[in-house]
Amino acid sequence: MALNPRQIRERDSFFGRNNYKNRSNFCLTYKPIISEDEIIVRTDHVVSIITKDKCVQFLLLVANNKAVYLDYYRQLRRVVWYPDGEKKSTYLVKLFRNRFRPYYCKRFAGHEIQGELTFDSLYEEARLQGCQKNLKVRMF
């Protein structure tokens, strides 16, 4: 069964045209570093909040009291990752150096971060994730 044009367009816009390989209709492998200023990081430090006008906003926590606002449709994908054969739900976050601006926010329970994450530290984390054998994820 082949992917429909909408799925191809969605994957091309998030990962880049030649930055991923389809393993099946649902699973794919990807390269986490697109360019020096654009990366894709696999992380669990994503939380959602409800704004005053009743909209859901997603945040990437970069410190215990700082976060980067994410555009849900362009910067965030919920995926299932299979490290060592076990199923783990996580997020893929696409980050841009020129849009990486941390803002102060409240502390979120269950998300303790040592130090503060910068774009360069997340770039290094993406580089290390790219060295791992299993970058196969299943998209929702």
N, C-alpha and C. Protein backbone atom coordinates (compact mmCIF):
# COMPACT_ATOMS: atom_id res chain seq x y z
N MET A 1 0.84 -1.17 0.00
CA MET A 1 0.00 0.00 0.00
C MET A 1 0.89 1.24 0.00
N ALA A 2 0.66 2.15 -0.90
CA ALA A 2 1.49 3.34 -1.03
C ALA A 2 0.93 4.48 -0.18
N LEU A 3 1.78 5.43 0.10
CA LEU A 3 1.34 6.62 0.84
C LEU A 3 0.51 7.51 -0.07
N ASN A 4 -0.47 8.18 0.50
CA ASN A 4 -1.25 9.10 -0.30
C ASN A 4 -0.51 10.44 -0.40
N PRO A 5 -0.88 11.31 -1.33
CA PRO A 5 -0.16 12.57 -1.53
C PRO A 5 -0.12 13.46 -0.29
N ARG A 6 -1.17 13.44 0.53
CA ARG A 6 -1.19 14.26 1.75
C ARG A 6 -0.12 13.80 2.72
N GLN A 7 0.03 12.47 2.89
CA GLN A 7 1.06 11.95 3.80
C GLN A 7 2.46 12.29 3.29
N ILE A 8 2.67 12.19 2.01
CA ILE A 8 3.98 12.53 1.44
C ILE A 8 4.27 14.01 1.64
N ARG A 9 3.29 14.88 1.39
CA ARG A 9 3.46 16.32 1.58
C ARG A 9 3.77 16.65 3.04
N GLU A 10 3.07 15.99 3.96
CA GLU A 10 3.27 16.23 5.38
C GLU A 10 4.67 15.81 5.82
N ARG A 11 5.12 14.66 5.36
CA ARG A 11 6.46 14.19 5.73
C ARG A 11 7.54 15.04 5.09
N ASP A 12 7.34 15.46 3.84
CA ASP A 12 8.32 16.31 3.18
C ASP A 12 8.44 17.66 3.87
N SER A 13 7.32 18.21 4.34
CA SER A 13 7.37 19.53 4.98
C SER A 13 8.04 19.46 6.35
N PHE A 14 7.90 18.35 7.06
CA PHE A 14 8.51 18.25 8.39
C PHE A 14 9.96 17.79 8.32
N PHE A 15 10.24 16.71 7.61
CA PHE A 15 11.58 16.12 7.60
C PHE A 15 12.48 16.70 6.51
N GLY A 16 11.93 17.25 5.46
CA GLY A 16 12.70 17.64 4.29
C GLY A 16 12.57 16.56 3.23
N ARG A 17 12.68 16.94 1.99
CA ARG A 17 12.38 16.01 0.90
C ARG A 17 13.27 14.77 0.90
N ASN A 18 14.55 14.90 1.09
CA ASN A 18 15.46 13.75 1.02
C ASN A 18 16.04 13.39 2.38
N ASN A 19 15.35 13.73 3.45
CA ASN A 19 15.89 13.55 4.79
C ASN A 19 15.28 12.37 5.54
N TYR A 20 14.46 11.57 4.89
CA TYR A 20 13.84 10.42 5.55
C TYR A 20 13.65 9.30 4.53
N LYS A 21 13.46 8.09 5.05
CA LYS A 21 13.17 6.93 4.20
C LYS A 21 11.98 6.20 4.79
N ASN A 22 11.00 5.91 3.96
CA ASN A 22 9.83 5.15 4.39
C ASN A 22 10.20 3.69 4.54
N ARG A 23 9.90 3.10 5.69
CA ARG A 23 10.11 1.67 5.90
C ARG A 23 8.82 0.90 5.69
N SER A 24 7.69 1.56 5.89
CA SER A 24 6.37 1.00 5.61
C SER A 24 5.42 2.20 5.54
N ASN A 25 4.12 1.95 5.55
CA ASN A 25 3.17 3.06 5.52
C ASN A 25 3.25 3.91 6.77
N PHE A 26 3.63 3.32 7.89
CA PHE A 26 3.63 4.05 9.14
C PHE A 26 5.03 4.34 9.66
N CYS A 27 5.98 3.45 9.43
CA CYS A 27 7.33 3.59 9.99
C CYS A 27 8.28 4.25 9.00
N LEU A 28 9.20 5.04 9.54
CA LEU A 28 10.21 5.67 8.73
C LEU A 28 11.48 5.88 9.55
N THR A 29 12.58 6.09 8.87
CA THR A 29 13.83 6.50 9.52
C THR A 29 14.17 7.89 8.99
N TYR A 30 14.88 8.68 9.78
CA TYR A 30 15.14 10.07 9.42
C TYR A 30 16.54 10.47 9.85
N LYS A 31 17.02 11.57 9.29
CA LYS A 31 18.28 12.17 9.70
C LYS A 31 17.94 13.34 10.61
N PRO A 32 18.49 13.37 11.84
CA PRO A 32 18.10 14.43 12.77
C PRO A 32 18.69 15.80 12.46
N ILE A 33 19.79 15.87 11.72
CA ILE A 33 20.38 17.17 11.41
C ILE A 33 20.08 17.49 9.95
N ILE A 34 19.29 18.54 9.74
CA ILE A 34 18.93 18.97 8.40
C ILE A 34 19.98 19.94 7.87
N SER A 35 20.34 20.92 8.72
CA SER A 35 21.39 21.88 8.39
C SER A 35 21.97 22.39 9.70
N GLU A 36 22.89 23.33 9.62
CA GLU A 36 23.48 23.90 10.84
C GLU A 36 22.44 24.66 11.67
N ASP A 37 21.40 25.14 11.04
CA ASP A 37 20.40 25.95 11.73
C ASP A 37 19.05 25.26 11.86
N GLU A 38 18.97 23.98 11.54
CA GLU A 38 17.69 23.27 11.55
C GLU A 38 17.92 21.82 11.96
N ILE A 39 17.26 21.40 13.06
CA ILE A 39 17.45 20.05 13.59
C ILE A 39 16.10 19.44 13.96
N ILE A 40 16.10 18.11 14.11
CA ILE A 40 14.94 17.37 14.63
C ILE A 40 15.42 16.58 15.84
N VAL A 41 14.84 16.85 17.00
CA VAL A 41 15.25 16.22 18.25
C VAL A 41 14.12 15.34 18.76
N ARG A 42 14.46 14.14 19.21
CA ARG A 42 13.50 13.24 19.85
C ARG A 42 13.55 13.53 21.35
N THR A 43 12.43 13.93 21.94
CA THR A 43 12.42 14.34 23.35
C THR A 43 11.07 14.07 23.99
N ASP A 44 11.10 14.01 25.32
CA ASP A 44 9.88 13.87 26.12
C ASP A 44 9.52 15.16 26.86
N HIS A 45 10.33 16.20 26.71
CA HIS A 45 10.14 17.44 27.46
C HIS A 45 9.17 18.39 26.74
N VAL A 46 8.05 17.86 26.30
CA VAL A 46 7.01 18.67 25.65
C VAL A 46 5.78 18.65 26.53
N VAL A 47 5.25 19.82 26.81
CA VAL A 47 4.03 19.94 27.60
C VAL A 47 3.03 20.80 26.83
N SER A 48 1.77 20.67 27.19
CA SER A 48 0.74 21.51 26.57
C SER A 48 0.07 22.34 27.65
N ILE A 49 -0.30 23.54 27.26
CA ILE A 49 -1.02 24.44 28.17
C ILE A 49 -2.27 24.95 27.43
N ILE A 50 -3.23 25.43 28.21
CA ILE A 50 -4.43 26.05 27.64
C ILE A 50 -4.27 27.55 27.81
N THR A 51 -4.35 28.29 26.71
CA THR A 51 -4.19 29.74 26.77
C THR A 51 -5.49 30.40 27.24
N LYS A 52 -5.45 31.71 27.43
CA LYS A 52 -6.63 32.44 27.90
C LYS A 52 -7.80 32.35 26.93
N ASP A 53 -7.48 32.25 25.63
CA ASP A 53 -8.57 32.15 24.65
C ASP A 53 -8.91 30.71 24.31
N LYS A 54 -8.62 29.79 25.25
CA LYS A 54 -9.01 28.37 25.18
C LYS A 54 -8.35 27.61 24.03
N CYS A 55 -7.15 27.99 23.64
CA CYS A 55 -6.39 27.28 22.62
C CYS A 55 -5.30 26.45 23.29
N VAL A 56 -4.94 25.35 22.68
CA VAL A 56 -3.87 24.51 23.20
C VAL A 56 -2.55 24.98 22.61
N GLN A 57 -1.56 25.22 23.46
CA GLN A 57 -0.23 25.64 23.02
C GLN A 57 0.79 24.64 23.54
N PHE A 58 1.70 24.18 22.69
CA PHE A 58 2.73 23.23 23.08
C PHE A 58 4.03 23.95 23.35
N LEU A 59 4.74 23.49 24.39
CA LEU A 59 6.00 24.09 24.81
C LEU A 59 7.07 23.02 24.90
N LEU A 60 8.28 23.37 24.50
CA LEU A 60 9.45 22.53 24.73
C LEU A 60 10.16 23.10 25.94
N LEU A 61 10.26 22.32 27.02
CA LEU A 61 10.92 22.78 28.23
C LEU A 61 12.43 22.72 28.03
N VAL A 62 13.11 23.86 28.26
CA VAL A 62 14.56 23.92 28.11
C VAL A 62 15.25 24.15 29.45
N ALA A 63 14.49 24.44 30.48
CA ALA A 63 14.98 24.56 31.85
C ALA A 63 13.77 24.33 32.75
N ASN A 64 14.00 24.31 34.06
CA ASN A 64 12.88 24.05 34.97
C ASN A 64 11.84 25.16 34.93
N ASN A 65 12.22 26.37 34.56
CA ASN A 65 11.26 27.47 34.50
C ASN A 65 11.33 28.22 33.17
N LYS A 66 11.84 27.58 32.10
CA LYS A 66 11.90 28.21 30.78
C LYS A 66 11.41 27.24 29.72
N ALA A 67 10.79 27.81 28.67
CA ALA A 67 10.26 26.98 27.60
C ALA A 67 10.32 27.73 26.28
N VAL A 68 10.30 26.96 25.20
CA VAL A 68 10.24 27.50 23.84
C VAL A 68 8.87 27.13 23.28
N TYR A 69 8.16 28.13 22.76
CA TYR A 69 6.85 27.88 22.17
C TYR A 69 7.02 27.16 20.84
N LEU A 70 6.14 26.18 20.58
CA LEU A 70 6.20 25.38 19.36
C LEU A 70 4.94 25.59 18.53
N ASP A 71 5.12 25.63 17.22
CA ASP A 71 4.00 25.65 16.31
C ASP A 71 3.61 24.19 16.07
N TYR A 72 2.41 23.81 16.47
CA TYR A 72 2.01 22.39 16.46
C TYR A 72 2.13 21.76 15.08
N TYR A 73 1.69 22.44 14.05
CA TYR A 73 1.65 21.82 12.73
C TYR A 73 3.01 21.80 12.04
N ARG A 74 3.90 22.73 12.36
CA ARG A 74 5.19 22.79 11.67
C ARG A 74 6.35 22.24 12.48
N GLN A 75 6.26 22.21 13.80
CA GLN A 75 7.42 21.88 14.61
C GLN A 75 7.26 20.66 15.50
N LEU A 76 6.15 19.99 15.49
CA LEU A 76 5.92 18.93 16.46
C LEU A 76 5.21 17.74 15.81
N ARG A 77 5.74 16.54 16.08
CA ARG A 77 5.09 15.31 15.65
C ARG A 77 5.15 14.31 16.80
N ARG A 78 4.02 13.71 17.11
CA ARG A 78 3.97 12.66 18.12
C ARG A 78 4.25 11.34 17.43
N VAL A 79 5.19 10.58 17.96
CA VAL A 79 5.60 9.34 17.32
C VAL A 79 5.75 8.25 18.36
N VAL A 80 5.85 7.02 17.88
CA VAL A 80 6.19 5.88 18.72
C VAL A 80 7.58 5.44 18.28
N TRP A 81 8.44 5.23 19.24
CA TRP A 81 9.82 4.84 18.99
C TRP A 81 10.02 3.48 19.63
N TYR A 82 10.83 2.64 19.02
CA TYR A 82 11.02 1.28 19.50
C TYR A 82 12.48 1.04 19.91
N PRO A 83 12.91 1.60 21.05
CA PRO A 83 14.28 1.30 21.51
C PRO A 83 14.32 -0.09 22.12
N ASP A 84 15.23 -0.91 21.69
CA ASP A 84 15.42 -2.27 22.22
C ASP A 84 14.15 -3.10 22.17
N GLY A 85 13.31 -2.87 21.16
CA GLY A 85 12.12 -3.67 20.97
C GLY A 85 10.92 -3.27 21.83
N GLU A 86 11.07 -2.31 22.72
CA GLU A 86 9.92 -1.89 23.53
C GLU A 86 9.31 -0.62 22.96
N LYS A 87 8.02 -0.47 23.13
CA LYS A 87 7.28 0.65 22.56
C LYS A 87 7.34 1.84 23.50
N LYS A 88 7.70 3.01 22.97
CA LYS A 88 7.79 4.23 23.79
C LYS A 88 7.23 5.40 23.01
N SER A 89 6.25 6.08 23.59
CA SER A 89 5.66 7.25 22.94
C SER A 89 6.51 8.48 23.26
N THR A 90 6.81 9.25 22.24
CA THR A 90 7.66 10.43 22.41
C THR A 90 7.30 11.47 21.35
N TYR A 91 8.07 12.54 21.28
CA TYR A 91 7.83 13.62 20.32
C TYR A 91 9.07 13.86 19.48
N LEU A 92 8.85 14.21 18.22
CA LEU A 92 9.92 14.75 17.38
C LEU A 92 9.66 16.25 17.29
N VAL A 93 10.69 17.04 17.62
CA VAL A 93 10.56 18.49 17.62
C VAL A 93 11.54 19.05 16.61
N LYS A 94 11.03 19.83 15.68
CA LYS A 94 11.87 20.49 14.68
C LYS A 94 12.19 21.88 15.19
N LEU A 95 13.48 22.18 15.30
CA LEU A 95 13.91 23.46 15.86
C LEU A 95 14.73 24.24 14.84
N PHE A 96 14.57 25.56 14.88
CA PHE A 96 15.31 26.48 14.03
C PHE A 96 16.13 27.40 14.93
N ARG A 97 17.37 27.65 14.56
CA ARG A 97 18.24 28.49 15.39
C ARG A 97 17.68 29.90 15.55
N ASN A 98 17.16 30.49 14.47
CA ASN A 98 16.69 31.88 14.54
C ASN A 98 15.34 32.01 15.26
N ARG A 99 14.62 30.91 15.48
CA ARG A 99 13.33 30.96 16.20
C ARG A 99 13.42 30.37 17.61
N PHE A 100 14.61 30.03 18.05
CA PHE A 100 14.79 29.40 19.37
C PHE A 100 14.89 30.51 20.42
N ARG A 101 13.76 30.84 21.04
CA ARG A 101 13.72 31.90 22.05
C ARG A 101 13.05 31.38 23.31
N PRO A 102 13.83 31.11 24.37
CA PRO A 102 13.21 30.65 25.62
C PRO A 102 12.49 31.79 26.34
N TYR A 103 11.35 31.46 26.90
CA TYR A 103 10.56 32.39 27.70
C TYR A 103 10.39 31.78 29.09
N TYR A 104 10.22 32.66 30.09
CA TYR A 104 9.97 32.18 31.44
C TYR A 104 8.55 31.63 31.54
N CYS A 105 8.42 30.54 32.29
CA CYS A 105 7.11 29.92 32.50
C CYS A 105 7.12 29.27 33.88
N LYS A 106 5.99 28.71 34.24
CA LYS A 106 5.91 28.02 35.54
C LYS A 106 6.62 26.67 35.46
N ARG A 107 6.90 26.10 36.60
CA ARG A 107 7.52 24.76 36.65
C ARG A 107 6.44 23.71 36.42
N PHE A 108 6.80 22.67 35.71
CA PHE A 108 5.88 21.58 35.44
C PHE A 108 6.34 20.35 36.20
N ALA A 109 5.42 19.73 36.94
CA ALA A 109 5.76 18.54 37.72
C ALA A 109 6.10 17.39 36.78
N GLY A 110 7.09 16.62 37.15
CA GLY A 110 7.49 15.47 36.35
C GLY A 110 8.50 15.77 35.27
N HIS A 111 8.88 17.02 35.11
CA HIS A 111 9.86 17.41 34.09
C HIS A 111 11.00 18.16 34.77
N GLU A 112 11.95 17.42 35.28
CA GLU A 112 13.13 18.02 35.90
C GLU A 112 14.26 18.03 34.88
N ILE A 113 14.81 19.20 34.62
CA ILE A 113 15.87 19.36 33.63
C ILE A 113 17.11 19.90 34.35
N GLN A 114 18.22 19.21 34.16
CA GLN A 114 19.48 19.63 34.76
C GLN A 114 20.08 20.73 33.90
N GLY A 115 20.29 21.91 34.48
CA GLY A 115 20.87 23.03 33.73
C GLY A 115 19.85 23.61 32.76
N GLU A 116 20.37 24.30 31.73
CA GLU A 116 19.51 24.90 30.73
C GLU A 116 19.95 24.43 29.34
N LEU A 117 18.98 24.01 28.53
CA LEU A 117 19.27 23.54 27.19
C LEU A 117 19.30 24.72 26.23
N THR A 118 20.32 24.79 25.41
CA THR A 118 20.42 25.81 24.36
C THR A 118 20.26 25.11 23.01
N PHE A 119 20.21 25.90 21.95
CA PHE A 119 20.12 25.30 20.63
C PHE A 119 21.35 24.45 20.34
N ASP A 120 22.53 24.93 20.77
CA ASP A 120 23.76 24.18 20.52
C ASP A 120 23.80 22.86 21.29
N SER A 121 23.28 22.84 22.53
CA SER A 121 23.24 21.59 23.28
C SER A 121 22.23 20.61 22.66
N LEU A 122 21.11 21.13 22.16
CA LEU A 122 20.14 20.27 21.47
C LEU A 122 20.68 19.81 20.11
N TYR A 123 21.49 20.64 19.46
CA TYR A 123 22.15 20.22 18.21
C TYR A 123 23.08 19.04 18.48
N GLU A 124 23.81 19.12 19.58
CA GLU A 124 24.72 18.02 19.95
C GLU A 124 23.92 16.76 20.29
N GLU A 125 22.79 16.93 20.97
CA GLU A 125 21.94 15.79 21.29
C GLU A 125 21.38 15.15 20.02
N ALA A 126 20.97 15.98 19.05
CA ALA A 126 20.48 15.45 17.77
C ALA A 126 21.59 14.72 17.03
N ARG A 127 22.81 15.23 17.11
CA ARG A 127 23.94 14.57 16.46
C ARG A 127 24.17 13.20 17.09
N LEU A 128 24.08 13.12 18.42
CA LEU A 128 24.25 11.84 19.11
C LEU A 128 23.11 10.88 18.79
N GLN A 129 21.88 11.40 18.67
CA GLN A 129 20.75 10.56 18.29
C GLN A 129 20.92 10.02 16.88
N GLY A 130 21.57 10.80 16.00
CA GLY A 130 21.82 10.35 14.64
C GLY A 130 22.82 9.23 14.57
N CYS A 131 23.69 9.10 15.60
CA CYS A 131 24.67 8.02 15.64
C CYS A 131 24.07 6.70 16.13
N GLN A 132 22.88 6.74 16.71
CA GLN A 132 22.24 5.53 17.20
C GLN A 132 21.77 4.66 16.04
N LYS A 133 21.69 3.38 16.28
CA LYS A 133 21.28 2.46 15.23
C LYS A 133 19.79 2.58 14.91
N ASN A 134 18.96 2.72 15.93
CA ASN A 134 17.52 2.62 15.74
C ASN A 134 16.87 4.00 15.72
N LEU A 135 16.74 4.58 14.53
CA LEU A 135 16.01 5.83 14.38
C LEU A 135 14.66 5.59 13.73
N LYS A 136 14.17 4.38 13.82
CA LYS A 136 12.89 4.02 13.23
C LYS A 136 11.76 4.48 14.14
N VAL A 137 10.84 5.27 13.61
CA VAL A 137 9.71 5.77 14.38
C VAL A 137 8.43 5.47 13.61
N ARG A 138 7.34 5.45 14.35
CA ARG A 138 6.02 5.25 13.75
C ARG A 138 5.22 6.53 13.96
N MET A 139 4.74 7.09 12.87
CA MET A 139 3.98 8.34 12.93
C MET A 139 2.52 8.05 13.28
N PHE A 140 1.87 9.00 13.95
CA PHE A 140 0.44 8.90 14.24
C PHE A 140 -0.35 9.52 13.12
